[in-house]
Structure formats: C-alpha cells, structure tokens
C-alpha cells in the first residue's frame, strides 16, 4: 500500500473512532427530542444519531486529512531554498 493511501486509511479510521466518542458525549448532554423541538424539525432519535455521527465523522476526517497534508515533509529540492 502506498504511503498516501495508508495515511488516508489511518486518518479515516481514527476519525471513525473519534466520531463514536464525540457522538456519545454530545448526545449524553443533548437529547435528540429537545434538539428537534429547538430546530423546528420533526425527526426520530435514530435519525438524529445518524446525522450527528456522519457530521462528526466528516469533520474529524477533514481535520485529520488537512493535518496530514500540512505536515508532509517537503521535497529535498525545496528544503535547500529554506536553508
């Protein structure tokens, strides 16, 4: 597996695990039925859990992929310009 593919797989997996934890904490504090009343939308609790999970997973994935992209090592040719 190429290095980039491996990094993407690691980030997606870690984002998945963090989304599970974040959803548990978030919905321990906020009740989905109260959120539905506050937003004026009618949805069931399972729908709120699903939407919340995918929002957390997506945001953690974007943050992780951005971190990997920004911390990648520069090629040796470009390093000479900074020395």
PDB file of N, CA and C in Angstrom:
ATOM      1  N   UNK A   1       0.844  -1.170   0.000  1.00  0.00           N
ATOM      2  CA  UNK A   1       0.000   0.000   0.000  1.00  0.00           C
ATOM      3  C   UNK A   1       0.898   1.245   0.000  1.00  0.00           C
ATOM      4  N   UNK A   2       0.533   2.187  -0.813  1.00  0.00           N
ATOM      5  CA  UNK A   2       1.319   3.419  -0.883  1.00  0.00           C
ATOM      6  C   UNK A   2       1.192   4.212   0.397  1.00  0.00           C
ATOM      7  N   UNK A   3       2.163   5.060   0.642  1.00  0.00           N
ATOM      8  CA  UNK A   3       2.187   5.848   1.872  1.00  0.00           C
ATOM      9  C   UNK A   3       0.959   6.751   2.000  1.00  0.00           C
ATOM     10  N   UNK A   4       0.579   7.392   0.905  1.00  0.00           N
ATOM     11  CA  UNK A   4      -0.569   8.293   0.943  1.00  0.00           C
ATOM     12  C   UNK A   4      -1.856   7.520   1.252  1.00  0.00           C
ATOM     13  N   UNK A   5      -2.021   6.372   0.633  1.00  0.00           N
ATOM     14  CA  UNK A   5      -3.212   5.565   0.897  1.00  0.00           C
ATOM     15  C   UNK A   5      -3.246   5.090   2.343  1.00  0.00           C
ATOM     16  N   UNK A   6      -2.086   4.726   2.866  1.00  0.00           N
ATOM     17  CA  UNK A   6      -2.005   4.290   4.255  1.00  0.00           C
ATOM     18  C   UNK A   6      -2.372   5.432   5.198  1.00  0.00           C
ATOM     19  N   UNK A   7      -1.863   6.628   4.926  1.00  0.00           N
ATOM     20  CA  UNK A   7      -2.187   7.786   5.765  1.00  0.00           C
ATOM     21  C   UNK A   7      -3.676   8.095   5.732  1.00  0.00           C
ATOM     22  N   UNK A   8      -4.276   8.010   4.559  1.00  0.00           N
ATOM     23  CA  UNK A   8      -5.718   8.261   4.439  1.00  0.00           C
ATOM     24  C   UNK A   8      -6.505   7.222   5.224  1.00  0.00           C
ATOM     25  N   UNK A   9      -6.115   5.962   5.119  1.00  0.00           N
ATOM     26  CA  UNK A   9      -6.805   4.898   5.850  1.00  0.00           C
ATOM     27  C   UNK A   9      -6.689   5.101   7.357  1.00  0.00           C
ATOM     28  N   UNK A  10      -5.513   5.493   7.831  1.00  0.00           N
ATOM     29  CA  UNK A  10      -5.314   5.728   9.259  1.00  0.00           C
ATOM     30  C   UNK A  10      -6.177   6.900   9.722  1.00  0.00           C
ATOM     31  N   UNK A  11      -6.183   7.976   8.951  1.00  0.00           N
ATOM     32  CA  UNK A  11      -6.965   9.155   9.336  1.00  0.00           C
ATOM     33  C   UNK A  11      -8.451   8.833   9.364  1.00  0.00           C
ATOM     34  N   UNK A  12      -8.948   8.135   8.365  1.00  0.00           N
ATOM     35  CA  UNK A  12     -10.375   7.796   8.313  1.00  0.00           C
ATOM     36  C   UNK A  12     -10.761   6.893   9.480  1.00  0.00           C
ATOM     37  N   UNK A  13      -9.899   5.934   9.816  1.00  0.00           N
ATOM     38  CA  UNK A  13     -10.190   5.024  10.924  1.00  0.00           C
ATOM     39  C   UNK A  13     -10.177   5.778  12.259  1.00  0.00           C
ATOM     40  N   UNK A  14      -9.198   6.627  12.467  1.00  0.00           N
ATOM     41  CA  UNK A  14      -9.146   7.408  13.705  1.00  0.00           C
ATOM     42  C   UNK A  14     -10.326   8.375  13.798  1.00  0.00           C
ATOM     43  N   UNK A  15     -10.717   8.957  12.674  1.00  0.00           N
ATOM     44  CA  UNK A  15     -11.877   9.852  12.658  1.00  0.00           C
ATOM     45  C   UNK A  15     -13.147   9.073  13.004  1.00  0.00           C
ATOM     46  N   UNK A  16     -13.250   7.844  12.541  1.00  0.00           N
ATOM     47  CA  UNK A  16     -14.398   6.990  12.854  1.00  0.00           C
ATOM     48  C   UNK A  16     -14.487   6.749  14.357  1.00  0.00           C
ATOM     49  N   UNK A  17     -13.354   6.398  14.962  1.00  0.00           N
ATOM     50  CA  UNK A  17     -13.345   6.141  16.403  1.00  0.00           C
ATOM     51  C   UNK A  17     -13.643   7.407  17.204  1.00  0.00           C
ATOM     52  N   UNK A  18     -13.101   8.530  16.764  1.00  0.00           N
ATOM     53  CA  UNK A  18     -13.370   9.789  17.454  1.00  0.00           C
ATOM     54  C   UNK A  18     -14.831  10.211  17.292  1.00  0.00           C
ATOM     55  N   UNK A  19     -15.430   9.925  16.142  1.00  0.00           N
ATOM     56  CA  UNK A  19     -16.843  10.252  15.927  1.00  0.00           C
ATOM     57  C   UNK A  19     -17.732   9.454  16.869  1.00  0.00           C
ATOM     58  N   UNK A  20     -17.364   8.203  17.127  1.00  0.00           N
ATOM     59  CA  UNK A  20     -18.127   7.395  18.083  1.00  0.00           C
ATOM     60  C   UNK A  20     -18.080   8.033  19.460  1.00  0.00           C
ATOM     61  N   UNK A  21     -16.887   8.428  19.891  1.00  0.00           N
ATOM     62  CA  UNK A  21     -16.735   9.049  21.212  1.00  0.00           C
ATOM     63  C   UNK A  21     -17.447  10.400  21.273  1.00  0.00           C
ATOM     64  N   UNK A  22     -17.285  11.218  20.237  1.00  0.00           N
ATOM     65  CA  UNK A  22     -17.906  12.544  20.226  1.00  0.00           C
ATOM     66  C   UNK A  22     -19.426  12.444  20.231  1.00  0.00           C
ATOM     67  N   UNK A  23     -19.957  11.488  19.477  1.00  0.00           N
ATOM     68  CA  UNK A  23     -21.413  11.324  19.457  1.00  0.00           C
ATOM     69  C   UNK A  23     -21.927  10.881  20.819  1.00  0.00           C
ATOM     70  N   UNK A  24     -21.184   9.996  21.472  1.00  0.00           N
ATOM     71  CA  UNK A  24     -21.585   9.564  22.808  1.00  0.00           C
ATOM     72  C   UNK A  24     -21.620  10.717  23.795  1.00  0.00           C
ATOM     73  N   UNK A  25     -20.595  11.558  23.751  1.00  0.00           N
ATOM     74  CA  UNK A  25     -20.544  12.708  24.654  1.00  0.00           C
ATOM     75  C   UNK A  25     -21.627  13.726  24.297  1.00  0.00           C
ATOM     76  N   UNK A  26     -21.760  14.033  23.020  1.00  0.00           N
ATOM     77  CA  UNK A  26     -22.729  15.046  22.585  1.00  0.00           C
ATOM     78  C   UNK A  26     -24.155  14.654  22.950  1.00  0.00           C
ATOM     79  N   UNK A  27     -24.529  13.418  22.642  1.00  0.00           N
ATOM     80  CA  UNK A  27     -25.907  13.009  22.904  1.00  0.00           C
ATOM     81  C   UNK A  27     -26.129  12.587  24.349  1.00  0.00           C
ATOM     82  N   UNK A  28     -25.076  12.542  25.149  1.00  0.00           N
ATOM     83  CA  UNK A  28     -25.262  12.414  26.594  1.00  0.00           C
ATOM     84  C   UNK A  28     -25.687  13.746  27.196  1.00  0.00           C
ATOM     85  N   UNK A  29     -25.257  14.828  26.562  1.00  0.00           N
ATOM     86  CA  UNK A  29     -25.582  16.169  27.047  1.00  0.00           C
ATOM     87  C   UNK A  29     -26.899  16.666  26.437  1.00  0.00           C
ATOM     88  N   UNK A  30     -27.091  16.441  25.128  1.00  0.00           N
ATOM     89  CA  UNK A  30     -28.262  16.957  24.419  1.00  0.00           C
ATOM     90  C   UNK A  30     -29.179  15.806  24.012  1.00  0.00           C
ATOM     91  N   UNK A  31     -30.451  15.947  24.321  1.00  0.00           N
ATOM     92  CA  UNK A  31     -31.449  14.952  23.938  1.00  0.00           C
ATOM     93  C   UNK A  31     -31.904  15.225  22.507  1.00  0.00           C
ATOM     94  N   UNK A  32     -31.954  14.202  21.644  1.00  0.00           N
ATOM     95  CA  UNK A  32     -32.385  14.417  20.259  1.00  0.00           C
ATOM     96  C   UNK A  32     -33.792  14.996  20.144  1.00  0.00           C
ATOM     97  N   UNK A  33     -34.680  14.644  21.061  1.00  0.00           N
ATOM     98  CA  UNK A  33     -36.040  15.194  21.015  1.00  0.00           C
ATOM     99  C   UNK A  33     -36.035  16.687  21.321  1.00  0.00           C
ATOM    100  N   UNK A  34     -35.186  17.117  22.251  1.00  0.00           N
ATOM    101  CA  UNK A  34     -35.076  18.551  22.551  1.00  0.00           C
ATOM    102  C   UNK A  34     -34.470  19.308  21.375  1.00  0.00           C
ATOM    103  N   UNK A  35     -33.512  18.694  20.697  1.00  0.00           N
ATOM    104  CA  UNK A  35     -32.916  19.321  19.510  1.00  0.00           C
ATOM    105  C   UNK A  35     -33.957  19.475  18.404  1.00  0.00           C
ATOM    106  N   UNK A  36     -34.810  18.473  18.264  1.00  0.00           N
ATOM    107  CA  UNK A  36     -35.859  18.540  17.245  1.00  0.00           C
ATOM    108  C   UNK A  36     -36.829  19.682  17.554  1.00  0.00           C
ATOM    109  N   UNK A  37     -37.167  19.856  18.815  1.00  0.00           N
ATOM    110  CA  UNK A  37     -38.065  20.948  19.190  1.00  0.00           C
ATOM    111  C   UNK A  37     -37.396  22.308  18.981  1.00  0.00           C
ATOM    112  N   UNK A  38     -36.118  22.398  19.291  1.00  0.00           N
ATOM    113  CA  UNK A  38     -35.403  23.665  19.170  1.00  0.00           C
ATOM    114  C   UNK A  38     -35.237  24.089  17.716  1.00  0.00           C
ATOM    115  N   UNK A  39     -35.038  23.114  16.817  1.00  0.00           N
ATOM    116  CA  UNK A  39     -34.832  23.446  15.409  1.00  0.00           C
ATOM    117  C   UNK A  39     -36.136  23.522  14.625  1.00  0.00           C
ATOM    118  N   UNK A  40     -37.193  22.976  15.182  1.00  0.00           N
ATOM    119  CA  UNK A  40     -38.470  23.004  14.487  1.00  0.00           C
ATOM    120  C   UNK A  40     -38.619  21.901  13.463  1.00  0.00           C
ATOM    121  N   UNK A  41     -37.719  20.931  13.457  1.00  0.00           N
ATOM    122  CA  UNK A  41     -37.791  19.802  12.533  1.00  0.00           C
ATOM    123  C   UNK A  41     -38.346  18.586  13.264  1.00  0.00           C
ATOM    124  N   UNK A  42     -39.057  17.776  12.541  1.00  0.00           N
ATOM    125  CA  UNK A  42     -39.565  16.521  13.091  1.00  0.00           C
ATOM    126  C   UNK A  42     -38.650  15.380  12.648  1.00  0.00           C
ATOM    127  N   UNK A  43     -37.975  14.753  13.599  1.00  0.00           N
ATOM    128  CA  UNK A  43     -37.179  13.576  13.275  1.00  0.00           C
ATOM    129  C   UNK A  43     -37.159  12.644  14.468  1.00  0.00           C
ATOM    130  N   UNK A  44     -36.851  11.419  14.185  1.00  0.00           N
ATOM    131  CA  UNK A  44     -36.751  10.437  15.255  1.00  0.00           C
ATOM    132  C   UNK A  44     -35.339  10.470  15.826  1.00  0.00           C
ATOM    133  N   UNK A  45     -35.183   9.882  17.002  1.00  0.00           N
ATOM    134  CA  UNK A  45     -33.887   9.898  17.675  1.00  0.00           C
ATOM    135  C   UNK A  45     -32.825   9.187  16.831  1.00  0.00           C
ATOM    136  N   UNK A  46     -33.184   8.092  16.195  1.00  0.00           N
ATOM    137  CA  UNK A  46     -32.206   7.356  15.382  1.00  0.00           C
ATOM    138  C   UNK A  46     -31.705   8.202  14.218  1.00  0.00           C
ATOM    139  N   UNK A  47     -32.565   8.990  13.624  1.00  0.00           N
ATOM    140  CA  UNK A  47     -32.143   9.888  12.547  1.00  0.00           C
ATOM    141  C   UNK A  47     -31.174  10.944  13.048  1.00  0.00           C
ATOM    142  N   UNK A  48     -31.435  11.489  14.235  1.00  0.00           N
ATOM    143  CA  UNK A  48     -30.528  12.489  14.815  1.00  0.00           C
ATOM    144  C   UNK A  48     -29.175  11.870  15.128  1.00  0.00           C
ATOM    145  N   UNK A  49     -29.177  10.648  15.658  1.00  0.00           N
ATOM    146  CA  UNK A  49     -27.911   9.965  15.942  1.00  0.00           C
ATOM    147  C   UNK A  49     -27.122   9.728  14.661  1.00  0.00           C
ATOM    148  N   UNK A  50     -27.810   9.333  13.612  1.00  0.00           N
ATOM    149  CA  UNK A  50     -27.145   9.052  12.341  1.00  0.00           C
ATOM    150  C   UNK A  50     -26.547  10.316  11.727  1.00  0.00           C
ATOM    151  N   UNK A  51     -27.343  11.366  11.680  1.00  0.00           N
ATOM    152  CA  UNK A  51     -26.852  12.626  11.114  1.00  0.00           C
ATOM    153  C   UNK A  51     -25.689  13.162  11.950  1.00  0.00           C
ATOM    154  N   UNK A  52     -25.826  13.095  13.262  1.00  0.00           N
ATOM    155  CA  UNK A  52     -24.753  13.553  14.142  1.00  0.00           C
ATOM    156  C   UNK A  52     -23.474  12.768  13.942  1.00  0.00           C
ATOM    157  N   UNK A  53     -23.596  11.440  13.819  1.00  0.00           N
ATOM    158  CA  UNK A  53     -22.410  10.615  13.620  1.00  0.00           C
ATOM    159  C   UNK A  53     -21.695  10.970  12.324  1.00  0.00           C
ATOM    160  N   UNK A  54     -22.438  11.097  11.230  1.00  0.00           N
ATOM    161  CA  UNK A  54     -21.792  11.403   9.954  1.00  0.00           C
ATOM    162  C   UNK A  54     -21.212  12.813   9.926  1.00  0.00           C
ATOM    163  N   UNK A  55     -21.845  13.749  10.619  1.00  0.00           N
ATOM    164  CA  UNK A  55     -21.265  15.102  10.714  1.00  0.00           C
ATOM    165  C   UNK A  55     -19.963  15.077  11.502  1.00  0.00           C
ATOM    166  N   UNK A  56     -19.946  14.378  12.637  1.00  0.00           N
ATOM    167  CA  UNK A  56     -18.710  14.264  13.407  1.00  0.00           C
ATOM    168  C   UNK A  56     -17.628  13.540  12.614  1.00  0.00           C
ATOM    169  N   UNK A  57     -17.996  12.445  11.953  1.00  0.00           N
ATOM    170  CA  UNK A  57     -17.018  11.669  11.188  1.00  0.00           C
ATOM    171  C   UNK A  57     -16.440  12.509  10.045  1.00  0.00           C
ATOM    172  N   UNK A  58     -17.294  13.229   9.357  1.00  0.00           N
ATOM    173  CA  UNK A  58     -16.816  14.076   8.266  1.00  0.00           C
ATOM    174  C   UNK A  58     -15.897  15.192   8.751  1.00  0.00           C
ATOM    175  N   UNK A  59     -16.259  15.834   9.845  1.00  0.00           N
ATOM    176  CA  UNK A  59     -15.425  16.938  10.328  1.00  0.00           C
ATOM    177  C   UNK A  59     -14.094  16.437  10.867  1.00  0.00           C
ATOM    178  N   UNK A  60     -14.093  15.322  11.571  1.00  0.00           N
ATOM    179  CA  UNK A  60     -12.822  14.761  12.046  1.00  0.00           C
ATOM    180  C   UNK A  60     -11.964  14.276  10.883  1.00  0.00           C
ATOM    181  N   UNK A  61     -12.581  13.737   9.844  1.00  0.00           N
ATOM    182  CA  UNK A  61     -11.822  13.284   8.674  1.00  0.00           C
ATOM    183  C   UNK A  61     -11.162  14.454   7.959  1.00  0.00           C
ATOM    184  N   UNK A  62     -11.902  15.524   7.769  1.00  0.00           N
ATOM    185  CA  UNK A  62     -11.341  16.705   7.103  1.00  0.00           C
ATOM    186  C   UNK A  62     -10.189  17.272   7.916  1.00  0.00           C
ATOM    187  N   UNK A  63     -10.366  17.368   9.222  1.00  0.00           N
ATOM    188  CA  UNK A  63      -9.295  17.897  10.077  1.00  0.00           C
ATOM    189  C   UNK A  63      -8.058  17.004  10.027  1.00  0.00           C
ATOM    190  N   UNK A  64      -8.253  15.712  10.086  1.00  0.00           N
ATOM    191  CA  UNK A  64      -7.122  14.788  10.047  1.00  0.00           C
ATOM    192  C   UNK A  64      -6.398  14.809   8.714  1.00  0.00           C
ATOM    193  N   UNK A  65      -7.160  14.821   7.626  1.00  0.00           N
ATOM    194  CA  UNK A  65      -6.529  14.858   6.307  1.00  0.00           C
ATOM    195  C   UNK A  65      -5.794  16.171   6.079  1.00  0.00           C
ATOM    196  N   UNK A  66      -6.345  17.251   6.577  1.00  0.00           N
ATOM    197  CA  UNK A  66      -5.667  18.539   6.478  1.00  0.00           C
ATOM    198  C   UNK A  66      -4.377  18.534   7.291  1.00  0.00           C
ATOM    199  N   UNK A  67      -4.401  17.937   8.462  1.00  0.00           N
ATOM    200  CA  UNK A  67      -3.191  17.846   9.282  1.00  0.00           C
ATOM    201  C   UNK A  67      -2.116  17.015   8.593  1.00  0.00           C
ATOM    202  N   UNK A  68      -2.510  15.906   7.989  1.00  0.00           N
ATOM    203  CA  UNK A  68      -1.543  15.071   7.270  1.00  0.00           C
ATOM    204  C   UNK A  68      -0.968  15.840   6.095  1.00  0.00           C
ATOM    205  N   UNK A  69      -1.815  16.538   5.394  1.00  0.00           N
ATOM    206  CA  UNK A  69      -1.363  17.306   4.223  1.00  0.00           C
ATOM    207  C   UNK A  69      -0.394  18.414   4.621  1.00  0.00           C
ATOM    208  N   UNK A  70      -0.679  19.101   5.705  1.00  0.00           N
ATOM    209  CA  UNK A  70       0.156  20.223   6.117  1.00  0.00           C
ATOM    210  C   UNK A  70       1.467  19.789   6.775  1.00  0.00           C
ATOM    211  N   UNK A  71       1.507  18.588   7.320  1.00  0.00           N
ATOM    212  CA  UNK A  71       2.720  18.135   7.997  1.00  0.00           C
ATOM    213  C   UNK A  71       3.592  17.232   7.136  1.00  0.00           C
ATOM    214  N   UNK A  72       3.208  17.051   5.895  1.00  0.00           N
ATOM    215  CA  UNK A  72       4.038  16.252   4.995  1.00  0.00           C
ATOM    216  C   UNK A  72       5.393  16.906   4.818  1.00  0.00           C
ATOM    217  N   UNK A  73       6.421  16.094   4.701  1.00  0.00           N
ATOM    218  CA  UNK A  73       7.777  16.624   4.524  1.00  0.00           C
ATOM    219  C   UNK A  73       7.923  17.239   3.140  1.00  0.00           C
ATOM    220  N   UNK A  74       8.660  18.322   3.080  1.00  0.00           N
ATOM    221  CA  UNK A  74       8.939  18.964   1.804  1.00  0.00           C
ATOM    222  C   UNK A  74       9.988  18.166   1.038  1.00  0.00           C
ATOM    223  N   UNK A  75       9.938  18.184  -0.285  1.00  0.00           N
ATOM    224  CA  UNK A  75      10.986  17.521  -1.065  1.00  0.00           C
ATOM    225  C   UNK A  75      12.346  18.160  -0.782  1.00  0.00           C
ATOM    226  N   UNK A  76      13.417  17.396  -0.985  1.00  0.00           N
ATOM    227  CA  UNK A  76      14.765  17.878  -0.671  1.00  0.00           C
ATOM    228  C   UNK A  76      15.137  19.105  -1.498  1.00  0.00           C
ATOM    229  N   UNK A  77      14.631  19.196  -2.721  1.00  0.00           N
ATOM    230  CA  UNK A  77      14.958  20.349  -3.558  1.00  0.00           C
ATOM    231  C   UNK A  77      14.430  21.641  -2.944  1.00  0.00           C
ATOM    232  N   UNK A  78      13.255  21.589  -2.366  1.00  0.00           N
ATOM    233  CA  UNK A  78      12.659  22.791  -1.772  1.00  0.00           C
ATOM    234  C   UNK A  78      13.284  23.107  -0.427  1.00  0.00           C
ATOM    235  N   UNK A  79      13.825  22.103   0.275  1.00  0.00           N
ATOM    236  CA  UNK A  79      14.457  22.355   1.545  1.00  0.00           C
ATOM    237  C   UNK A  79      15.732  23.190   1.392  1.00  0.00           C
ATOM    238  N   UNK A  80      16.420  23.030   0.277  1.00  0.00           N
ATOM    239  CA  UNK A  80      17.660  23.798   0.061  1.00  0.00           C
ATOM    240  C   UNK A  80      17.380  25.297  -0.008  1.00  0.00           C
ATOM    241  N   UNK A  81      16.208  25.680  -0.486  1.00  0.00           N
ATOM    242  CA  UNK A  81      15.866  27.095  -0.589  1.00  0.00           C
ATOM    243  C   UNK A  81      15.653  27.744   0.760  1.00  0.00           C
ATOM    244  N   UNK A  82      15.260  26.936   1.764  1.00  0.00           N
ATOM    245  CA  UNK A  82      14.989  27.486   3.078  1.00  0.00           C
ATOM    246  C   UNK A  82      16.221  27.488   3.980  1.00  0.00           C
ATOM    247  N   UNK A  83      17.265  26.766   3.615  1.00  0.00           N
ATOM    248  CA  UNK A  83      18.455  26.667   4.472  1.00  0.00           C
ATOM    249  C   UNK A  83      19.364  27.870   4.310  1.00  0.00           C
TER     250      UNK A  83
END
